[in-house]
Amino acid sequence: MMRWLAALLVLLPLPASGQDPGAPPGTEPASAQPPAPTADEVLALGQDAPGRMTVPVKIGSQGPYPFTIDTGAERTVISRELASLLALPPGRRVRLTAMVGTSDVDTVRIPKLTMSSVSGEQIEAPSLEGRDLGAPGLLGLDSLKGHAVSIDFERGQMSVRPSRKRFRQYDAEPGEIVVQAKSLLGQLIVTDASYRGHTVRVVLDTGSALSMGNSALRARALKRRETLTPVTVTAVTGATLKADYTQIGAVRFGTVTFENLPVAFADAAPFKRLGLDDKPALLLGMDALRLFRRVDIDFSNREVRLLLPR
């Protein structure tokens, strides 16, 4: 079973059942406090999905806790176990669009979140099961605005740094490829990509364990009787999605061409959210990004830099 695919989060407030219309959003009776976590739940806070890189995040004065940076998620998410441990107050109930579809979820109010140069206050974060997140929390695009993410696969490190809009592009270092992207709903979409001469929109998704293609890409890529392996993808909400897993070749990304790129094909909800359900599109996950020594994603300058293997 394929787990821990990132969610593309779209949040819409829902009316809380039995809540006073005049009360501030998220206000509930004092008796509605989250239960204290069990010993097993507290232990699980330090566990993470195999192969995932994390960054230390402080919640208020507590922590740090290992959060995953998820460039495929619109909003920062926290596990229910950690939210319960810290007794975070409940927020509004919201509608969330994840990899599998849309569902209604609870949120909690994070008074302050700090990670290196990233700091945010009064964050209303969806609260989901830690076993589905694969980490105590995910840092989404709302926490990454005005920053650049660097993933160093050789050192096994992930970091975030402030970024400002530049008037000119820095020269590429030896072995480095620079690709420009467009911004859509906070996502960086690379249009300088193609499959056998046909344009493919690519979204870099650091929270996804594997790459996913939509039906429009599948129609171009699978014209012969390729061997397809059925897989079950589990989203961060715990819901599942059936997909067909195979390898495709001749996927060009900038000046790099992927051969035998593993892709799971499914009509995942993020494609429709980004208006890419009828165009060949690919969510490029960590399985493909790990082919490089380093990946830098600069949101301020809409730029992606890839350092090729030695």
C-alpha atoms as a PDB file:
ATOM      1  CA  MET A   1       0.000   0.000   0.000  1.00  0.00           C
ATOM      2  CA  MET A   2       1.338   3.425  -0.956  1.00  0.00           C
ATOM      3  CA  ARG A   3       1.016   5.818   1.988  1.00  0.00           C
ATOM      4  CA  TRP A   4       1.736   9.406   2.872  1.00  0.00           C
ATOM      5  CA  LEU A   5       0.967  11.076  -0.438  1.00  0.00           C
ATOM      6  CA  ALA A   6       0.709  14.806   0.087  1.00  0.00           C
ATOM      7  CA  ALA A   7      -2.624  16.572   0.151  1.00  0.00           C
ATOM      8  CA  LEU A   8      -3.492  19.644  -1.827  1.00  0.00           C
ATOM      9  CA  LEU A   9      -5.421  21.472   0.883  1.00  0.00           C
ATOM     10  CA  VAL A  10      -8.333  23.760   0.101  1.00  0.00           C
ATOM     11  CA  LEU A  11     -10.045  25.061   3.210  1.00  0.00           C
ATOM     12  CA  LEU A  12     -13.571  26.432   3.407  1.00  0.00           C
ATOM     13  CA  PRO A  13     -15.167  27.171   6.811  1.00  0.00           C
ATOM     14  CA  LEU A  14     -18.239  25.181   7.779  1.00  0.00           C
ATOM     15  CA  PRO A  15     -20.817  26.144  10.415  1.00  0.00           C
ATOM     16  CA  ALA A  16     -20.051  24.342  13.667  1.00  0.00           C
ATOM     17  CA  SER A  17     -22.878  22.239  15.020  1.00  0.00           C
ATOM     18  CA  GLY A  18     -24.450  23.838  18.099  1.00  0.00           C
ATOM     19  CA  GLN A  19     -22.025  26.752  18.159  1.00  0.00           C
ATOM     20  CA  ASP A  20     -23.184  30.208  19.142  1.00  0.00           C
ATOM     21  CA  PRO A  21     -23.364  32.261  15.894  1.00  0.00           C
ATOM     22  CA  GLY A  22     -22.110  35.305  17.779  1.00  0.00           C
ATOM     23  CA  ALA A  23     -19.091  33.543  19.257  1.00  0.00           C
ATOM     24  CA  PRO A  24     -15.654  33.956  17.682  1.00  0.00           C
ATOM     25  CA  PRO A  25     -14.692  31.249  15.161  1.00  0.00           C
ATOM     26  CA  GLY A  26     -13.564  28.092  16.883  1.00  0.00           C
ATOM     27  CA  THR A  27     -15.052  28.999  20.303  1.00  0.00           C
ATOM     28  CA  GLU A  28     -16.353  25.947  22.164  1.00  0.00           C
ATOM     29  CA  PRO A  29     -17.369  25.194  25.766  1.00  0.00           C
ATOM     30  CA  ALA A  30     -14.471  24.722  28.177  1.00  0.00           C
ATOM     31  CA  SER A  31     -15.516  21.085  28.687  1.00  0.00           C
ATOM     32  CA  ALA A  32     -14.639  20.278  25.056  1.00  0.00           C
ATOM     33  CA  GLN A  33     -10.948  19.812  25.811  1.00  0.00           C
ATOM     34  CA  PRO A  34      -9.021  17.185  23.819  1.00  0.00           C
ATOM     35  CA  PRO A  35      -8.311  13.982  25.778  1.00  0.00           C
ATOM     36  CA  ALA A  36      -4.826  13.429  27.144  1.00  0.00           C
ATOM     37  CA  PRO A  37      -2.709  11.287  24.799  1.00  0.00           C
ATOM     38  CA  THR A  38      -1.827   7.749  25.763  1.00  0.00           C
ATOM     39  CA  ALA A  39       1.785   6.652  26.218  1.00  0.00           C
ATOM     40  CA  ASP A  40       1.718   4.996  22.789  1.00  0.00           C
ATOM     41  CA  GLU A  41       0.434   8.177  21.137  1.00  0.00           C
ATOM     42  CA  VAL A  42       3.180  10.290  22.697  1.00  0.00           C
ATOM     43  CA  LEU A  43       5.791   7.781  21.566  1.00  0.00           C
ATOM     44  CA  ALA A  44       4.424   7.924  18.013  1.00  0.00           C
ATOM     45  CA  LEU A  45       5.159  11.664  17.834  1.00  0.00           C
ATOM     46  CA  GLY A  46       8.832  10.944  17.227  1.00  0.00           C
ATOM     47  CA  GLN A  47       8.222   8.432  14.464  1.00  0.00           C
ATOM     48  CA  ASP A  48       8.287   9.256  10.772  1.00  0.00           C
ATOM     49  CA  ALA A  49       7.637   7.472   7.509  1.00  0.00           C
ATOM     50  CA  PRO A  50      10.745   5.693   6.175  1.00  0.00           C
ATOM     51  CA  GLY A  51      12.849   7.830   3.866  1.00  0.00           C
ATOM     52  CA  ARG A  52      11.072  11.110   4.711  1.00  0.00           C
ATOM     53  CA  MET A  53      13.206  14.087   5.679  1.00  0.00           C
ATOM     54  CA  THR A  54      11.954  16.458   8.352  1.00  0.00           C
ATOM     55  CA  VAL A  55      12.774  19.847   9.873  1.00  0.00           C
ATOM     56  CA  PRO A  56      12.538  20.851  13.566  1.00  0.00           C
ATOM     57  CA  VAL A  57       9.451  22.922  14.334  1.00  0.00           C
ATOM     58  CA  LYS A  58       8.478  24.567  17.631  1.00  0.00           C
ATOM     59  CA  ILE A  59       4.841  25.058  18.580  1.00  0.00           C
ATOM     60  CA  GLY A  60       4.753  28.025  20.922  1.00  0.00           C
ATOM     61  CA  SER A  61       7.561  27.281  23.396  1.00  0.00           C
ATOM     62  CA  GLN A  62       7.246  23.504  23.004  1.00  0.00           C
ATOM     63  CA  GLY A  63       9.339  21.226  20.815  1.00  0.00           C
ATOM     64  CA  PRO A  64      10.974  21.053  18.427  1.00  0.00           C
ATOM     65  CA  TYR A  65       8.990  18.371  16.575  1.00  0.00           C
ATOM     66  CA  PRO A  66       9.941  16.815  13.203  1.00  0.00           C
ATOM     67  CA  PHE A  67       7.654  18.257  10.508  1.00  0.00           C
ATOM     68  CA  THR A  68       7.800  17.374   6.810  1.00  0.00           C
ATOM     69  CA  ILE A  69       7.941  20.188   4.240  1.00  0.00           C
ATOM     70  CA  ASP A  70       5.119  19.561   1.783  1.00  0.00           C
ATOM     71  CA  THR A  71       5.205  21.737  -1.348  1.00  0.00           C
ATOM     72  CA  GLY A  72       2.044  19.987  -2.556  1.00  0.00           C
ATOM     73  CA  ALA A  73      -0.095  21.175   0.371  1.00  0.00           C
ATOM     74  CA  GLU A  74      -1.747  24.579   0.515  1.00  0.00           C
ATOM     75  CA  ARG A  75      -1.980  24.611   4.297  1.00  0.00           C
ATOM     76  CA  THR A  76       0.101  23.543   7.279  1.00  0.00           C
ATOM     77  CA  VAL A  77      -1.290  20.431   9.013  1.00  0.00           C
ATOM     78  CA  ILE A  78      -0.706  19.029  12.501  1.00  0.00           C
ATOM     79  CA  SER A  79      -1.307  15.534  13.839  1.00  0.00           C
ATOM     80  CA  ARG A  80      -4.154  15.013  16.279  1.00  0.00           C
ATOM     81  CA  GLU A  81      -1.726  13.339  18.677  1.00  0.00           C
ATOM     82  CA  LEU A  82       0.536  16.391  18.869  1.00  0.00           C
ATOM     83  CA  ALA A  83      -2.397  18.786  19.031  1.00  0.00           C
ATOM     84  CA  SER A  84      -3.785  16.768  21.952  1.00  0.00           C
ATOM     85  CA  LEU A  85      -0.415  16.634  23.707  1.00  0.00           C
ATOM     86  CA  LEU A  86      -0.107  20.435  23.504  1.00  0.00           C
ATOM     87  CA  ALA A  87      -3.804  20.987  24.345  1.00  0.00           C
ATOM     88  CA  LEU A  88      -4.266  23.279  21.336  1.00  0.00           C
ATOM     89  CA  PRO A  89      -7.701  24.955  21.270  1.00  0.00           C
ATOM     90  CA  PRO A  90     -10.149  23.811  18.585  1.00  0.00           C
ATOM     91  CA  GLY A  91     -10.728  25.933  15.500  1.00  0.00           C
ATOM     92  CA  ARG A  92     -13.404  25.905  12.843  1.00  0.00           C
ATOM     93  CA  ARG A  93     -14.529  22.804  11.003  1.00  0.00           C
ATOM     94  CA  VAL A  94     -13.427  23.137   7.386  1.00  0.00           C
ATOM     95  CA  ARG A  95     -13.777  21.413   4.055  1.00  0.00           C
ATOM     96  CA  LEU A  96     -10.474  19.947   2.902  1.00  0.00           C
ATOM     97  CA  THR A  97      -9.517  18.732  -0.564  1.00  0.00           C
ATOM     98  CA  ALA A  98      -6.832  16.054  -0.406  1.00  0.00           C
ATOM     99  CA  MET A  99      -5.378  13.611  -2.929  1.00  0.00           C
ATOM    100  CA  VAL A 100      -8.465  11.414  -2.805  1.00  0.00           C
ATOM    101  CA  GLY A 101     -11.202  14.035  -2.667  1.00  0.00           C
ATOM    102  CA  THR A 102     -13.023  16.458  -0.383  1.00  0.00           C
ATOM    103  CA  SER A 103     -14.009  15.862   3.231  1.00  0.00           C
ATOM    104  CA  ASP A 104     -14.902  17.883   6.335  1.00  0.00           C
ATOM    105  CA  VAL A 105     -12.217  17.989   9.048  1.00  0.00           C
ATOM    106  CA  ASP A 106     -11.555  19.690  12.369  1.00  0.00           C
ATOM    107  CA  THR A 107      -8.831  22.286  12.897  1.00  0.00           C
ATOM    108  CA  VAL A 108      -6.846  23.530  15.876  1.00  0.00           C
ATOM    109  CA  ARG A 109      -5.406  26.973  16.535  1.00  0.00           C
ATOM    110  CA  ILE A 110      -1.618  27.107  16.713  1.00  0.00           C
ATOM    111  CA  PRO A 111      -0.603  30.256  18.675  1.00  0.00           C
ATOM    112  CA  LYS A 112       2.860  30.392  17.120  1.00  0.00           C
ATOM    113  CA  LEU A 113       4.880  28.132  14.841  1.00  0.00           C
ATOM    114  CA  THR A 114       8.635  28.596  14.475  1.00  0.00           C
ATOM    115  CA  MET A 115      11.108  26.787  12.240  1.00  0.00           C
ATOM    116  CA  SER A 116      14.466  28.404  11.446  1.00  0.00           C
ATOM    117  CA  SER A 117      13.490  31.543   9.487  1.00  0.00           C
ATOM    118  CA  VAL A 118       9.827  30.562   9.239  1.00  0.00           C
ATOM    119  CA  SER A 119       7.494  31.984  11.855  1.00  0.00           C
ATOM    120  CA  GLY A 120       3.726  32.221  11.852  1.00  0.00           C
ATOM    121  CA  GLU A 121       1.152  33.208  14.439  1.00  0.00           C
ATOM    122  CA  GLN A 122      -2.481  32.253  14.975  1.00  0.00           C
ATOM    123  CA  ILE A 123      -2.450  29.464  12.406  1.00  0.00           C
ATOM    124  CA  GLU A 124      -5.657  27.487  11.988  1.00  0.00           C
ATOM    125  CA  ALA A 125      -4.382  24.071  10.964  1.00  0.00           C
ATOM    126  CA  PRO A 126      -6.300  20.934   9.991  1.00  0.00           C
ATOM    127  CA  SER A 127      -5.751  18.206  12.571  1.00  0.00           C
ATOM    128  CA  LEU A 128      -5.359  14.694  11.114  1.00  0.00           C
ATOM    129  CA  GLU A 129      -4.194  11.276  12.261  1.00  0.00           C
ATOM    130  CA  GLY A 130      -0.421  11.060  12.658  1.00  0.00           C
ATOM    131  CA  ARG A 131      -0.277   7.592  11.073  1.00  0.00           C
ATOM    132  CA  ASP A 132      -1.759   9.044   7.872  1.00  0.00           C
ATOM    133  CA  LEU A 133       0.479  12.121   7.869  1.00  0.00           C
ATOM    134  CA  GLY A 134       3.603  10.027   8.443  1.00  0.00           C
ATOM    135  CA  ALA A 135       4.943  12.800  10.709  1.00  0.00           C
ATOM    136  CA  PRO A 136       3.794  15.007  13.623  1.00  0.00           C
ATOM    137  CA  GLY A 137       2.943  17.661  11.044  1.00  0.00           C
ATOM    138  CA  LEU A 138       3.382  19.077   7.548  1.00  0.00           C
ATOM    139  CA  LEU A 139       4.553  22.571   6.624  1.00  0.00           C
ATOM    140  CA  GLY A 140       2.422  23.720   3.698  1.00  0.00           C
ATOM    141  CA  LEU A 141       2.579  26.577   1.242  1.00  0.00           C
ATOM    142  CA  ASP A 142       1.023  29.019   3.728  1.00  0.00           C
ATOM    143  CA  SER A 143       4.231  28.726   5.789  1.00  0.00           C
ATOM    144  CA  LEU A 144       6.574  28.818   2.794  1.00  0.00           C
ATOM    145  CA  LYS A 145       5.593  32.115   1.131  1.00  0.00           C
ATOM    146  CA  GLY A 146       8.627  34.314   0.586  1.00  0.00           C
ATOM    147  CA  HIS A 147      10.987  31.405   1.215  1.00  0.00           C
ATOM    148  CA  ALA A 148      13.059  28.829  -0.627  1.00  0.00           C
ATOM    149  CA  VAL A 149      13.203  25.131   0.204  1.00  0.00           C
ATOM    150  CA  SER A 150      16.460  23.212  -0.186  1.00  0.00           C
ATOM    151  CA  ILE A 151      16.599  19.396  -0.156  1.00  0.00           C
ATOM    152  CA  ASP A 152      20.114  17.993   0.039  1.00  0.00           C
ATOM    153  CA  PHE A 153      19.813  14.272  -0.672  1.00  0.00           C
ATOM    154  CA  GLU A 154      23.526  13.598  -0.213  1.00  0.00           C
ATOM    155  CA  ARG A 155      23.448  14.898   3.352  1.00  0.00           C
ATOM    156  CA  GLY A 156      19.883  13.835   4.045  1.00  0.00           C
ATOM    157  CA  GLN A 157      18.904  17.379   5.049  1.00  0.00           C
ATOM    158  CA  MET A 158      15.960  19.652   4.303  1.00  0.00           C
ATOM    159  CA  SER A 159      15.958  23.371   5.103  1.00  0.00           C
ATOM    160  CA  VAL A 160      14.072  26.634   4.541  1.00  0.00           C
ATOM    161  CA  ARG A 161      15.551  30.090   4.080  1.00  0.00           C
ATOM    162  CA  PRO A 162      14.127  33.574   3.351  1.00  0.00           C
ATOM    163  CA  SER A 163      13.990  34.581  -0.309  1.00  0.00           C
ATOM    164  CA  ARG A 164      13.468  37.912  -2.042  1.00  0.00           C
ATOM    165  CA  LYS A 165      12.527  38.659  -5.608  1.00  0.00           C
ATOM    166  CA  ARG A 166      15.699  39.122  -7.686  1.00  0.00           C
ATOM    167  CA  PHE A 167      16.125  41.348 -10.737  1.00  0.00           C
ATOM    168  CA  ARG A 168      18.372  38.818 -12.435  1.00  0.00           C
ATOM    169  CA  GLN A 169      18.928  35.097 -12.312  1.00  0.00           C
ATOM    170  CA  TYR A 170      21.975  33.733 -10.540  1.00  0.00           C
ATOM    171  CA  ASP A 171      24.334  31.762 -12.739  1.00  0.00           C
ATOM    172  CA  ALA A 172      23.996  28.002 -12.492  1.00  0.00           C
ATOM    173  CA  GLU A 173      26.839  26.141 -10.819  1.00  0.00           C
ATOM    174  CA  PRO A 174      28.504  23.250 -12.671  1.00  0.00           C
ATOM    175  CA  GLY A 175      26.065  20.366 -13.030  1.00  0.00           C
ATOM    176  CA  GLU A 176      23.085  22.502 -12.022  1.00  0.00           C
ATOM    177  CA  ILE A 177      19.926  22.901 -14.089  1.00  0.00           C
ATOM    178  CA  VAL A 178      17.679  25.948 -13.616  1.00  0.00           C
ATOM    179  CA  VAL A 179      13.995  25.738 -14.555  1.00  0.00           C
ATOM    180  CA  GLN A 180      11.489  28.594 -14.371  1.00  0.00           C
ATOM    181  CA  ALA A 181       7.938  27.997 -13.159  1.00  0.00           C
ATOM    182  CA  LYS A 182       4.559  29.704 -12.978  1.00  0.00           C
ATOM    183  CA  SER A 183       2.625  30.265  -9.778  1.00  0.00           C
ATOM    184  CA  LEU A 184      -0.952  29.022  -9.475  1.00  0.00           C
ATOM    185  CA  LEU A 185      -2.738  29.059  -6.109  1.00  0.00           C
ATOM    186  CA  GLY A 186       0.694  29.226  -4.489  1.00  0.00           C
ATOM    187  CA  GLN A 187       1.904  26.134  -6.344  1.00  0.00           C
ATOM    188  CA  LEU A 188       4.902  26.294  -8.662  1.00  0.00           C
ATOM    189  CA  ILE A 189       4.024  24.682 -11.993  1.00  0.00           C
ATOM    190  CA  VAL A 190       6.859  23.944 -14.406  1.00  0.00           C
ATOM    191  CA  THR A 191       5.750  24.284 -18.032  1.00  0.00           C
ATOM    192  CA  ASP A 192       9.202  23.582 -19.511  1.00  0.00           C
ATOM    193  CA  ALA A 193       8.491  19.865 -19.436  1.00  0.00           C
ATOM    194  CA  SER A 194       7.257  17.437 -22.039  1.00  0.00           C
ATOM    195  CA  TYR A 195       6.537  13.820 -22.875  1.00  0.00           C
ATOM    196  CA  ARG A 196       7.507  12.753 -26.391  1.00  0.00           C
ATOM    197  CA  GLY A 197       7.205  16.331 -27.651  1.00  0.00           C
ATOM    198  CA  HIS A 198       3.913  17.117 -25.886  1.00  0.00           C
ATOM    199  CA  THR A 199       3.838  19.710 -23.088  1.00  0.00           C
ATOM    200  CA  VAL A 200       3.361  18.360 -19.571  1.00  0.00           C
ATOM    201  CA  ARG A 201       2.597  20.554 -16.564  1.00  0.00           C
ATOM    202  CA  VAL A 202       4.719  19.449 -13.616  1.00  0.00           C
ATOM    203  CA  VAL A 203       4.075  20.250  -9.948  1.00  0.00           C
ATOM    204  CA  LEU A 204       6.901  19.527  -7.499  1.00  0.00           C
ATOM    205  CA  ASP A 205       5.397  17.671  -4.573  1.00  0.00           C
ATOM    206  CA  THR A 206       7.890  17.043  -1.760  1.00  0.00           C
ATOM    207  CA  GLY A 207       5.203  15.485   0.400  1.00  0.00           C
ATOM    208  CA  SER A 208       4.452  12.745  -2.107  1.00  0.00           C
ATOM    209  CA  ALA A 209       6.234   9.407  -1.875  1.00  0.00           C
ATOM    210  CA  LEU A 210       5.824   8.768  -5.606  1.00  0.00           C
ATOM    211  CA  SER A 211       4.950  10.637  -8.775  1.00  0.00           C
ATOM    212  CA  MET A 212       1.360  10.715 -10.003  1.00  0.00           C
ATOM    213  CA  GLY A 213       0.049  11.345 -13.504  1.00  0.00           C
ATOM    214  CA  ASN A 214      -3.468  12.253 -14.616  1.00  0.00           C
ATOM    215  CA  SER A 215      -5.649  10.581 -17.245  1.00  0.00           C
ATOM    216  CA  ALA A 216      -4.581  13.030 -19.969  1.00  0.00           C
ATOM    217  CA  LEU A 217      -0.938  12.009 -19.495  1.00  0.00           C
ATOM    218  CA  ARG A 218      -1.905   8.347 -19.285  1.00  0.00           C
ATOM    219  CA  ALA A 219      -3.675   8.560 -22.644  1.00  0.00           C
ATOM    220  CA  ARG A 220      -0.427   9.702 -24.268  1.00  0.00           C
ATOM    221  CA  ALA A 221       1.938   7.467 -22.334  1.00  0.00           C
ATOM    222  CA  LEU A 222       0.127   4.130 -22.321  1.00  0.00           C
ATOM    223  CA  LYS A 223      -0.675   3.345 -25.946  1.00  0.00           C
ATOM    224  CA  ARG A 224       0.720  -0.179 -25.823  1.00  0.00           C
ATOM    225  CA  ARG A 225       0.045  -3.061 -23.466  1.00  0.00           C
ATOM    226  CA  GLU A 226       2.305  -1.943 -20.663  1.00  0.00           C
ATOM    227  CA  THR A 227       2.318  -3.948 -17.478  1.00  0.00           C
ATOM    228  CA  LEU A 228       0.278  -2.067 -14.879  1.00  0.00           C
ATOM    229  CA  THR A 229       0.414  -2.797 -11.179  1.00  0.00           C
ATOM    230  CA  PRO A 230      -2.701  -1.856  -9.174  1.00  0.00           C
ATOM    231  CA  VAL A 231      -1.813   0.079  -6.021  1.00  0.00           C
ATOM    232  CA  THR A 232      -3.775   1.727  -3.240  1.00  0.00           C
ATOM    233  CA  VAL A 233      -2.785   5.272  -2.351  1.00  0.00           C
ATOM    234  CA  THR A 234      -3.644   6.463   1.166  1.00  0.00           C
ATOM    235  CA  ALA A 235      -4.068  10.223   1.491  1.00  0.00           C
ATOM    236  CA  VAL A 236      -3.405  12.298   4.599  1.00  0.00           C
ATOM    237  CA  THR A 237      -7.081  12.049   5.518  1.00  0.00           C
ATOM    238  CA  GLY A 238      -6.842   8.250   5.652  1.00  0.00           C
ATOM    239  CA  ALA A 239      -9.050   7.851   2.559  1.00  0.00           C
ATOM    240  CA  THR A 240      -7.758   5.609  -0.233  1.00  0.00           C
ATOM    241  CA  LEU A 241      -7.509   5.879  -4.002  1.00  0.00           C
ATOM    242  CA  LYS A 242      -6.925   3.130  -6.552  1.00  0.00           C
ATOM    243  CA  ALA A 243      -4.141   3.814  -9.051  1.00  0.00           C
ATOM    244  CA  ASP A 244      -2.248   2.021 -11.830  1.00  0.00           C
ATOM    245  CA  TYR A 245       1.507   1.951 -11.291  1.00  0.00           C
ATOM    246  CA  THR A 246       4.024   1.573 -14.125  1.00  0.00           C
ATOM    247  CA  GLN A 247       7.110   3.157 -15.704  1.00  0.00           C
ATOM    248  CA  ILE A 248       7.222   5.595 -18.600  1.00  0.00           C
ATOM    249  CA  GLY A 249      10.189   7.008 -20.491  1.00  0.00           C
ATOM    250  CA  ALA A 250      11.194  10.157 -22.354  1.00  0.00           C
ATOM    251  CA  VAL A 251       9.819  12.593 -19.773  1.00  0.00           C
ATOM    252  CA  ARG A 252      11.791  15.810 -20.216  1.00  0.00           C
ATOM    253  CA  PHE A 253      12.135  18.282 -17.355  1.00  0.00           C
ATOM    254  CA  GLY A 254      14.117  21.320 -18.455  1.00  0.00           C
ATOM    255  CA  THR A 255      17.199  19.796 -20.038  1.00  0.00           C
ATOM    256  CA  VAL A 256      16.895  16.540 -18.066  1.00  0.00           C
ATOM    257  CA  THR A 257      15.169  13.483 -19.528  1.00  0.00           C
ATOM    258  CA  PHE A 258      13.761  10.821 -17.219  1.00  0.00           C
ATOM    259  CA  GLU A 259      13.794   7.267 -18.526  1.00  0.00           C
ATOM    260  CA  ASN A 260      11.752   4.554 -16.818  1.00  0.00           C
ATOM    261  CA  LEU A 261      10.093   7.073 -14.503  1.00  0.00           C
ATOM    262  CA  PRO A 262       7.737   5.298 -12.056  1.00  0.00           C
ATOM    263  CA  VAL A 263       4.276   6.895 -12.185  1.00  0.00           C
ATOM    264  CA  ALA A 264       0.960   6.054 -10.544  1.00  0.00           C
ATOM    265  CA  PHE A 265      -1.937   7.077 -12.786  1.00  0.00           C
ATOM    266  CA  ALA A 266      -5.192   8.245 -11.180  1.00  0.00           C
ATOM    267  CA  ASP A 267      -7.639  11.138 -11.387  1.00  0.00           C
ATOM    268  CA  ALA A 268      -6.443  12.677  -8.142  1.00  0.00           C
ATOM    269  CA  ALA A 269      -8.306  15.727  -6.812  1.00  0.00           C
ATOM    270  CA  PRO A 270      -5.317  18.162  -7.027  1.00  0.00           C
ATOM    271  CA  PHE A 271      -5.357  17.985 -10.838  1.00  0.00           C
ATOM    272  CA  LYS A 272      -8.916  19.306 -10.940  1.00  0.00           C
ATOM    273  CA  ARG A 273      -8.196  21.898  -8.244  1.00  0.00           C
ATOM    274  CA  LEU A 274      -5.368  23.342 -10.375  1.00  0.00           C
ATOM    275  CA  GLY A 275      -7.376  23.164 -13.616  1.00  0.00           C
ATOM    276  CA  LEU A 276      -5.081  20.442 -14.972  1.00  0.00           C
ATOM    277  CA  ASP A 277      -7.541  17.563 -15.201  1.00  0.00           C
ATOM    278  CA  ASP A 278      -7.821  17.850 -19.008  1.00  0.00           C
ATOM    279  CA  LYS A 279      -4.130  18.590 -19.713  1.00  0.00           C
ATOM    280  CA  PRO A 280      -1.197  16.139 -19.395  1.00  0.00           C
ATOM    281  CA  ALA A 281       0.098  16.777 -15.877  1.00  0.00           C
ATOM    282  CA  LEU A 282       2.423  15.169 -13.368  1.00  0.00           C
ATOM    283  CA  LEU A 283       2.892  15.536  -9.625  1.00  0.00           C
ATOM    284  CA  LEU A 284       6.638  14.931  -9.355  1.00  0.00           C
ATOM    285  CA  GLY A 285       7.217  13.159  -6.060  1.00  0.00           C
ATOM    286  CA  MET A 286      10.225  12.331  -3.939  1.00  0.00           C
ATOM    287  CA  ASP A 287      10.966   9.133  -5.898  1.00  0.00           C
ATOM    288  CA  ALA A 288      11.931  11.275  -8.914  1.00  0.00           C
ATOM    289  CA  LEU A 289      13.468  14.168  -6.966  1.00  0.00           C
ATOM    290  CA  ARG A 290      15.838  11.742  -5.217  1.00  0.00           C
ATOM    291  CA  LEU A 291      17.583  11.191  -8.543  1.00  0.00           C
ATOM    292  CA  PHE A 292      19.299  14.564  -7.971  1.00  0.00           C
ATOM    293  CA  ARG A 293      21.942  15.505  -5.421  1.00  0.00           C
ATOM    294  CA  ARG A 294      20.074  18.630  -4.412  1.00  0.00           C
ATOM    295  CA  VAL A 295      16.761  20.289  -5.244  1.00  0.00           C
ATOM    296  CA  ASP A 296      16.123  23.990  -4.528  1.00  0.00           C
ATOM    297  CA  ILE A 297      12.588  25.385  -4.842  1.00  0.00           C
ATOM    298  CA  ASP A 298      12.456  29.198  -4.676  1.00  0.00           C
ATOM    299  CA  PHE A 299       8.866  30.447  -4.317  1.00  0.00           C
ATOM    300  CA  SER A 300       9.711  34.165  -4.464  1.00  0.00           C
ATOM    301  CA  ASN A 301      11.553  33.830  -7.779  1.00  0.00           C
ATOM    302  CA  ARG A 302       9.439  30.966  -9.167  1.00  0.00           C
ATOM    303  CA  GLU A 303      12.568  28.974  -9.809  1.00  0.00           C
ATOM    304  CA  VAL A 304      13.652  25.358  -9.447  1.00  0.00           C
ATOM    305  CA  ARG A 305      17.330  24.342  -9.373  1.00  0.00           C
ATOM    306  CA  LEU A 306      18.408  20.720  -9.771  1.00  0.00           C
ATOM    307  CA  LEU A 307      21.933  19.511  -9.095  1.00  0.00           C
ATOM    308  CA  LEU A 308      22.721  16.486 -11.221  1.00  0.00           C
ATOM    309  CA  PRO A 309      24.385  13.344  -9.836  1.00  0.00           C
ATOM    310  CA  ARG A 310      28.161  13.319  -9.833  1.00  0.00           C
END
